[in-house]
Amino acid sequence: MAVLCKPAIAVPEYVITNEETLELAERLHGDHPQIDLVLRLIEHTGVQKRHLIQPIDKVLQHPGFDARSITYEQHTKARVPEVVRRALDQAELEPRQIDLIVYVSCTGFMMPPPTAWLIGEMGFRPETRQLPIAQLGCAAGGAAVNRAHDFCTAYPDANVLIVACEFCSLCYQPTDLGVGSLLSNGLFGDGIAAVVLRGSGGTGVRLEHNGSFVIPDTEDWISYAVRSTGFHFQLDKRVPGTMEPLAPALEAVAEENQWNAGKMDFYIIHAGGPRILDDLSRFLDVPPEAFRFSRATLTEYGNIASAVVLDALGRMFDEASALDGHRGLMAGFGPGITAEISLGTWTSESDS
């Protein structure tokens, strides 16, 4: 069975702290009728700092969608290859051994996709398959893992590279003054993650089963309005309560594999915000400490969209607490409202 190896993570050099975010929100929106609520929500995100691809002064400007698209492409090409190299090194593979590249990003658009450029730039085989995922938002990290798992199930000796590249700061819209938009300005950060799923061999999470679930009639709860000025993020106030219907979906996927979602040895969960983790802890009846990797990502980087689950996975590798045979659950949540759920077992065998 395929093994998800140690991810590589990179966050950009510019940093904004939560204190600076609060000061900025008060300075820019001090006359907003709900500014006290906005400040309280930002303060309670649990985010201590976020990383940005540009200085905050430049982030706050809006030079137009075309200029932002150029910035997205420039930073993608400048920053992604180094992360990919590290992920390949950690999986002990060369570019020519990769059979599929799954590339996820919801914060910029390129056609042809970045995968085509990577194949030519980094020495992947021309026959390498490409799967860009652009419209699943924060759920796309989980979806990428699941589609890679499906591919390796169909082609058992194949190796898959997953790349998540999210520059959320390029979606800042100075004219969007809804509470959800202002909260997102204090929650989202920039980050890149890459990981390899090996068809055989490797140390990491041996993937066993996956599933998806969509909550009906919630398509407008997390969405983009695509306008001439770019992507306008829209967040409904009901989103934090989505774990009540999603927790049973996680339990159902686990039960399909004769596992218990509340009795896992490790959890890699998308940290959209602290209430998501608090509620899931309650509904699955697991201790809050079980989600420590996800909380650490949220605290140190903010919500880095599709890259969250890969960063949280990397933190589990760094903690070195997983033992052979430990069972775990990975889940990403995003627009739809969509859940992408994976089950896996930790293995350190040289050949899985």
Protein backbone atom coordinates (compact mmCIF):
# COMPACT_ATOMS: atom_id res chain seq x y z
CA MET A 1 0.00 0.00 0.00
CA ALA A 2 1.10 3.56 -0.69
CA VAL A 3 2.94 5.50 2.02
CA LEU A 4 2.65 9.23 2.59
CA CYS A 5 6.19 10.38 3.35
CA LYS A 6 7.47 13.37 5.31
CA PRO A 7 6.18 16.66 3.85
CA ALA A 8 8.31 19.71 3.08
CA ILE A 9 6.93 23.09 4.17
CA ALA A 10 7.95 26.66 3.41
CA VAL A 11 6.47 29.94 4.59
CA PRO A 12 7.58 33.31 3.17
CA GLU A 13 9.80 35.80 4.94
CA TYR A 14 7.39 38.63 5.74
CA VAL A 15 5.61 38.25 9.09
CA ILE A 16 2.58 39.93 10.62
CA THR A 17 1.67 39.22 14.25
CA ASN A 18 -1.83 39.05 15.66
CA GLU A 19 -1.17 42.26 17.60
CA GLU A 20 -0.19 44.03 14.39
CA THR A 21 -3.28 42.64 12.67
CA LEU A 22 -5.54 44.00 15.42
CA GLU A 23 -3.88 47.42 15.26
CA LEU A 24 -4.24 47.45 11.49
CA ALA A 25 -7.91 46.47 11.60
CA GLU A 26 -8.65 49.20 14.11
CA ARG A 27 -6.76 51.81 12.08
CA LEU A 28 -8.34 50.88 8.76
CA HIS A 29 -11.86 50.10 9.99
CA GLY A 30 -12.25 52.00 13.26
CA ASP A 31 -15.58 53.43 12.14
CA HIS A 32 -17.01 50.03 11.14
CA PRO A 33 -20.29 49.48 13.03
CA GLN A 34 -19.16 45.99 14.09
CA ILE A 35 -15.48 46.69 14.66
CA ASP A 36 -15.60 45.45 18.26
CA LEU A 37 -16.97 42.10 17.07
CA VAL A 38 -14.35 41.89 14.33
CA LEU A 39 -11.50 42.59 16.75
CA ARG A 40 -12.84 40.03 19.20
CA LEU A 41 -13.13 37.37 16.49
CA ILE A 42 -9.59 38.03 15.21
CA GLU A 43 -8.23 37.95 18.75
CA HIS A 44 -9.86 34.57 19.37
CA THR A 45 -8.56 32.87 16.22
CA GLY A 46 -5.58 31.51 18.13
CA VAL A 47 -3.26 32.85 15.42
CA GLN A 48 -0.08 34.42 16.80
CA LYS A 49 1.56 35.24 13.49
CA ARG A 50 1.22 34.73 9.74
CA HIS A 51 3.71 34.76 6.87
CA LEU A 52 3.24 36.78 3.68
CA ILE A 53 4.94 36.79 0.28
CA GLN A 54 5.03 40.61 0.30
CA PRO A 55 5.38 43.31 2.99
CA ILE A 56 2.02 44.22 4.53
CA ASP A 57 2.11 47.68 2.90
CA LYS A 58 2.16 46.01 -0.50
CA VAL A 59 -0.49 43.45 0.48
CA LEU A 60 -2.88 46.28 1.34
CA GLN A 61 -2.56 47.78 -2.13
CA HIS A 62 -4.67 46.45 -4.97
CA PRO A 63 -2.90 46.97 -8.29
CA GLY A 64 -5.54 44.95 -10.17
CA PHE A 65 -6.26 41.30 -10.87
CA ASP A 66 -3.83 41.17 -13.78
CA ALA A 67 -0.95 42.46 -11.63
CA ARG A 68 -1.84 40.05 -8.85
CA SER A 69 -1.86 37.16 -11.34
CA ILE A 70 1.67 38.13 -12.41
CA THR A 71 2.76 38.23 -8.77
CA TYR A 72 1.19 34.82 -8.16
CA GLU A 73 3.05 33.25 -11.08
CA GLN A 74 6.38 34.89 -10.18
CA HIS A 75 6.27 33.72 -6.58
CA THR A 76 5.05 30.26 -7.54
CA LYS A 77 8.00 29.75 -9.87
CA ALA A 78 10.46 31.28 -7.41
CA ARG A 79 9.34 29.38 -4.32
CA VAL A 80 7.81 26.01 -5.26
CA PRO A 81 10.83 24.14 -6.72
CA GLU A 82 12.86 24.23 -3.50
CA VAL A 83 9.94 22.77 -1.53
CA VAL A 84 9.44 20.07 -4.16
CA ARG A 85 13.15 19.14 -4.01
CA ARG A 86 12.99 18.71 -0.24
CA ALA A 87 9.85 16.57 -0.45
CA LEU A 88 11.51 14.33 -3.05
CA ASP A 89 14.67 14.07 -0.96
CA GLN A 90 12.66 13.13 2.12
CA ALA A 91 10.93 10.39 0.13
CA GLU A 92 14.30 9.29 -1.32
CA LEU A 93 13.06 9.66 -4.89
CA GLU A 94 14.18 11.50 -8.01
CA PRO A 95 11.87 13.57 -10.24
CA ARG A 96 11.94 10.89 -12.94
CA GLN A 97 10.42 8.40 -10.51
CA ILE A 98 7.22 10.45 -10.12
CA ASP A 99 4.24 9.28 -12.17
CA LEU A 100 1.63 11.91 -11.22
CA ILE A 101 1.79 15.46 -9.88
CA VAL A 102 -1.29 16.69 -8.01
CA TYR A 103 -1.10 20.47 -7.70
CA VAL A 104 -3.60 22.35 -5.53
CA SER A 105 -4.11 26.09 -5.14
CA CYS A 106 -7.18 28.28 -4.72
CA THR A 107 -5.42 31.65 -4.48
CA GLY A 108 -4.21 32.14 -8.05
CA PHE A 109 -4.74 30.82 -11.54
CA MET A 110 -2.35 29.69 -14.27
CA MET A 111 -3.03 27.92 -17.56
CA PRO A 112 -1.21 25.78 -18.44
CA PRO A 113 -1.01 24.78 -14.79
CA PRO A 114 2.22 25.01 -12.75
CA THR A 115 2.62 21.25 -13.20
CA ALA A 116 3.54 21.71 -16.87
CA TRP A 117 6.24 24.22 -15.93
CA LEU A 118 7.55 21.98 -13.11
CA ILE A 119 7.83 18.99 -15.44
CA GLY A 120 10.08 20.93 -17.80
CA GLU A 121 11.94 22.86 -15.10
CA MET A 122 12.78 20.07 -12.66
CA GLY A 123 13.43 17.01 -14.80
CA PHE A 124 10.19 15.09 -14.41
CA ARG A 125 9.43 12.74 -17.29
CA PRO A 126 7.36 14.21 -20.13
CA GLU A 127 4.94 11.32 -19.55
CA THR A 128 4.22 12.50 -15.99
CA ARG A 129 0.48 12.85 -15.47
CA GLN A 130 -0.95 16.14 -14.18
CA LEU A 131 -3.91 16.76 -11.89
CA PRO A 132 -4.45 20.44 -10.97
CA ILE A 133 -7.16 21.09 -8.35
CA ALA A 134 -8.25 24.72 -8.14
CA GLN A 135 -11.74 24.97 -6.69
CA LEU A 136 -11.82 22.96 -3.46
CA GLY A 137 -10.25 25.64 -1.27
CA CYS A 138 -9.08 24.40 2.11
CA ALA A 139 -10.43 20.91 1.42
CA ALA A 140 -8.03 20.49 -1.49
CA GLY A 141 -5.13 19.25 0.65
CA GLY A 142 -7.22 16.30 1.77
CA ALA A 143 -8.60 15.82 -1.73
CA ALA A 144 -5.06 15.74 -3.17
CA VAL A 145 -4.07 12.99 -0.74
CA ASN A 146 -7.20 11.01 -1.58
CA ARG A 147 -6.82 11.32 -5.36
CA ALA A 148 -3.15 10.35 -5.04
CA HIS A 149 -4.22 7.33 -2.99
CA ASP A 150 -6.78 6.39 -5.65
CA PHE A 151 -4.08 6.62 -8.33
CA CYS A 152 -1.71 4.40 -6.36
CA THR A 153 -4.53 1.91 -5.82
CA ALA A 154 -5.01 1.73 -9.59
CA TYR A 155 -1.25 1.70 -10.26
CA PRO A 156 0.33 0.03 -7.22
CA ASP A 157 3.95 0.79 -8.11
CA ALA A 158 3.35 4.46 -8.93
CA ASN A 159 4.70 7.46 -7.00
CA VAL A 160 2.76 10.70 -6.66
CA LEU A 161 3.97 14.20 -5.82
CA ILE A 162 1.45 16.51 -4.12
CA VAL A 163 2.04 20.28 -4.09
CA ALA A 164 -0.10 22.82 -2.23
CA CYS A 165 0.73 26.45 -3.01
CA GLU A 166 -1.40 29.08 -1.29
CA PHE A 167 -0.80 32.83 -1.36
CA CYS A 168 -3.92 33.90 0.51
CA SER A 169 -2.65 37.47 0.88
CA LEU A 170 -3.21 37.97 -2.86
CA CYS A 171 -6.95 37.64 -2.20
CA TYR A 172 -7.13 40.67 0.11
CA GLN A 173 -9.91 42.99 -1.05
CA PRO A 174 -9.88 46.46 0.58
CA THR A 175 -13.52 47.12 -0.31
CA ASP A 176 -14.91 43.93 1.29
CA LEU A 177 -16.13 45.06 4.71
CA GLY A 178 -18.38 42.21 5.82
CA VAL A 179 -17.54 40.65 9.18
CA GLY A 180 -16.55 37.37 7.49
CA SER A 181 -14.21 39.15 5.10
CA LEU A 182 -12.58 41.20 7.85
CA LEU A 183 -12.14 38.07 9.96
CA SER A 184 -10.49 36.27 7.05
CA ASN A 185 -8.04 39.18 6.73
CA GLY A 186 -6.78 38.24 10.20
CA LEU A 187 -6.89 34.48 9.76
CA PHE A 188 -5.31 33.44 6.46
CA GLY A 189 -1.60 33.23 5.71
CA ASP A 190 0.70 32.20 2.85
CA GLY A 191 2.48 28.88 2.62
CA ILE A 192 3.71 26.08 0.36
CA ALA A 193 3.78 22.36 1.12
CA ALA A 194 4.81 19.31 -0.85
CA VAL A 195 4.72 15.60 -0.07
CA VAL A 196 5.32 12.34 -1.89
CA LEU A 197 3.09 9.29 -1.82
CA ARG A 198 5.29 6.28 -2.52
CA GLY A 199 3.73 3.23 -4.12
CA SER A 200 6.10 1.02 -2.17
CA GLY A 201 8.67 1.54 0.55
CA GLY A 202 9.09 4.62 2.67
CA THR A 203 8.36 5.73 6.23
CA GLY A 204 5.13 7.52 7.05
CA VAL A 205 1.39 6.99 6.87
CA ARG A 206 0.34 3.94 4.88
CA LEU A 207 -3.00 4.98 3.37
CA GLU A 208 -5.78 2.43 3.75
CA HIS A 209 -9.12 4.01 2.97
CA ASN A 210 -10.64 7.37 1.97
CA GLY A 211 -13.99 9.04 1.55
CA SER A 212 -15.72 12.33 0.78
CA PHE A 213 -18.82 14.04 2.09
CA VAL A 214 -20.75 17.16 1.05
CA ILE A 215 -23.29 18.87 3.29
CA PRO A 216 -26.28 19.61 1.03
CA ASP A 217 -27.37 23.20 0.42
CA THR A 218 -24.23 24.80 1.84
CA GLU A 219 -22.57 25.83 -1.45
CA ASP A 220 -22.72 29.53 -0.55
CA TRP A 221 -21.26 29.15 2.95
CA ILE A 222 -17.65 29.30 1.73
CA SER A 223 -17.23 30.74 -1.73
CA TYR A 224 -15.50 33.14 -4.08
CA ALA A 225 -17.21 35.89 -5.96
CA VAL A 226 -15.03 36.12 -9.09
CA ARG A 227 -14.99 39.72 -10.27
CA SER A 228 -12.80 42.00 -12.35
CA THR A 229 -10.86 42.77 -9.15
CA GLY A 230 -10.14 39.08 -8.53
CA PHE A 231 -11.32 36.57 -5.95
CA HIS A 232 -13.62 37.92 -3.23
CA PHE A 233 -13.73 35.47 -0.33
CA GLN A 234 -17.18 34.97 1.22
CA LEU A 235 -17.57 33.29 4.60
CA ASP A 236 -20.94 32.56 6.18
CA LYS A 237 -21.31 32.86 9.94
CA ARG A 238 -22.69 29.29 10.04
CA VAL A 239 -19.37 27.75 8.93
CA PRO A 240 -17.91 27.32 12.46
CA GLY A 241 -20.84 25.04 13.28
CA THR A 242 -20.20 22.55 10.48
CA MET A 243 -18.52 19.92 12.63
CA GLU A 244 -21.86 18.75 14.00
CA PRO A 245 -22.93 17.31 10.60
CA LEU A 246 -19.36 16.45 9.52
CA ALA A 247 -18.30 14.45 12.59
CA PRO A 248 -20.76 11.63 11.71
CA ALA A 249 -19.30 11.59 8.19
CA LEU A 250 -15.82 11.04 9.62
CA GLU A 251 -17.21 8.29 11.84
CA ALA A 252 -18.94 6.63 8.89
CA VAL A 253 -15.76 6.54 6.79
CA ALA A 254 -13.87 5.01 9.73
CA GLU A 255 -16.60 2.42 10.25
CA GLU A 256 -16.35 1.40 6.58
CA ASN A 257 -12.81 0.29 7.45
CA GLN A 258 -13.93 -1.25 10.78
CA TRP A 259 -12.17 1.56 12.66
CA ASN A 260 -13.44 3.96 15.32
CA ALA A 261 -12.98 7.67 14.55
CA GLY A 262 -12.92 8.49 18.25
CA LYS A 263 -10.18 5.96 19.04
CA MET A 264 -7.37 6.94 16.67
CA ASP A 265 -3.74 7.23 17.68
CA PHE A 266 -3.22 10.43 15.68
CA TYR A 267 -5.30 13.08 13.92
CA ILE A 268 -4.30 15.41 11.08
CA ILE A 269 -7.18 17.89 10.76
CA HIS A 270 -7.59 21.06 8.71
CA ALA A 271 -7.54 23.94 11.20
CA GLY A 272 -9.95 26.46 9.71
CA GLY A 273 -10.27 28.05 13.13
CA PRO A 274 -10.22 27.10 16.81
CA ARG A 275 -13.93 26.31 17.04
CA ILE A 276 -13.61 23.70 14.28
CA LEU A 277 -11.08 21.82 16.39
CA ASP A 278 -12.95 22.39 19.67
CA ASP A 279 -16.21 21.09 18.23
CA LEU A 280 -14.64 18.10 16.52
CA SER A 281 -12.92 17.19 19.77
CA ARG A 282 -16.31 17.27 21.49
CA PHE A 283 -18.29 15.41 18.81
CA LEU A 284 -15.67 12.66 18.39
CA ASP A 285 -15.08 12.55 22.15
CA VAL A 286 -11.30 12.89 21.84
CA PRO A 287 -9.04 15.05 24.03
CA PRO A 288 -8.12 18.51 22.65
CA GLU A 289 -4.47 17.43 22.74
CA ALA A 290 -5.24 15.02 19.89
CA PHE A 291 -5.38 18.00 17.54
CA ARG A 292 -2.10 19.57 18.72
CA PHE A 293 -0.48 19.43 15.27
CA SER A 294 -3.34 21.33 13.66
CA ARG A 295 -3.46 23.86 16.49
CA ALA A 296 0.26 24.50 16.12
CA THR A 297 -0.17 25.20 12.40
CA LEU A 298 -2.99 27.64 13.12
CA THR A 299 -1.00 29.38 15.88
CA GLU A 300 2.24 29.77 13.94
CA TYR A 301 1.06 30.22 10.35
CA GLY A 302 -2.67 30.98 10.45
CA ASN A 303 -4.98 29.20 8.03
CA ILE A 304 -2.76 28.35 5.04
CA ALA A 305 -5.70 26.78 3.20
CA SER A 306 -4.93 23.49 1.41
CA ALA A 307 -1.42 23.35 2.90
CA VAL A 308 -2.69 23.05 6.51
CA VAL A 309 -3.07 19.26 6.57
CA LEU A 310 0.38 18.74 5.08
CA ASP A 311 1.98 21.11 7.58
CA ALA A 312 0.17 19.37 10.46
CA LEU A 313 1.40 16.03 9.10
CA GLY A 314 4.94 17.39 9.01
CA ARG A 315 4.67 18.38 12.66
CA MET A 316 3.74 14.81 13.55
CA PHE A 317 6.87 13.58 11.77
CA ASP A 318 8.94 16.14 13.70
CA GLU A 319 7.45 15.06 17.04
CA ALA A 320 8.41 11.45 16.23
CA SER A 321 5.63 10.14 18.46
CA ALA A 322 4.00 7.77 15.96
CA LEU A 323 4.80 4.07 16.31
CA ASP A 324 4.41 1.24 13.83
CA GLY A 325 0.78 0.20 13.68
CA HIS A 326 -0.63 3.45 15.02
CA ARG A 327 -3.86 4.31 13.26
CA GLY A 328 -4.77 7.83 12.20
CA LEU A 329 -7.34 10.01 10.51
CA MET A 330 -6.68 12.93 8.15
CA ALA A 331 -9.44 15.35 7.14
CA GLY A 332 -9.66 18.53 5.10
CA PHE A 333 -12.72 20.79 5.08
CA GLY A 334 -13.67 23.45 2.57
CA PRO A 335 -16.21 24.86 0.11
CA GLY A 336 -19.20 22.76 -0.62
CA ILE A 337 -19.26 22.29 2.42
CA THR A 338 -16.90 19.43 1.59
CA ALA A 339 -14.97 17.00 3.77
CA GLU A 340 -12.13 14.85 2.39
CA ILE A 341 -11.24 12.06 4.78
CA SER A 342 -8.30 9.60 4.83
CA LEU A 343 -7.40 6.71 7.10
CA GLY A 344 -3.88 5.40 7.49
CA THR A 345 -1.44 3.41 9.59
CA TRP A 346 2.03 4.54 10.58
CA THR A 347 4.79 2.38 9.15
CA SER A 348 8.57 2.65 9.28
CA GLU A 349 9.20 -0.51 7.28
CA SER A 350 11.67 -0.26 4.43
CA ASP A 351 9.17 -1.93 2.13
CA SER A 352 5.44 -1.47 2.63
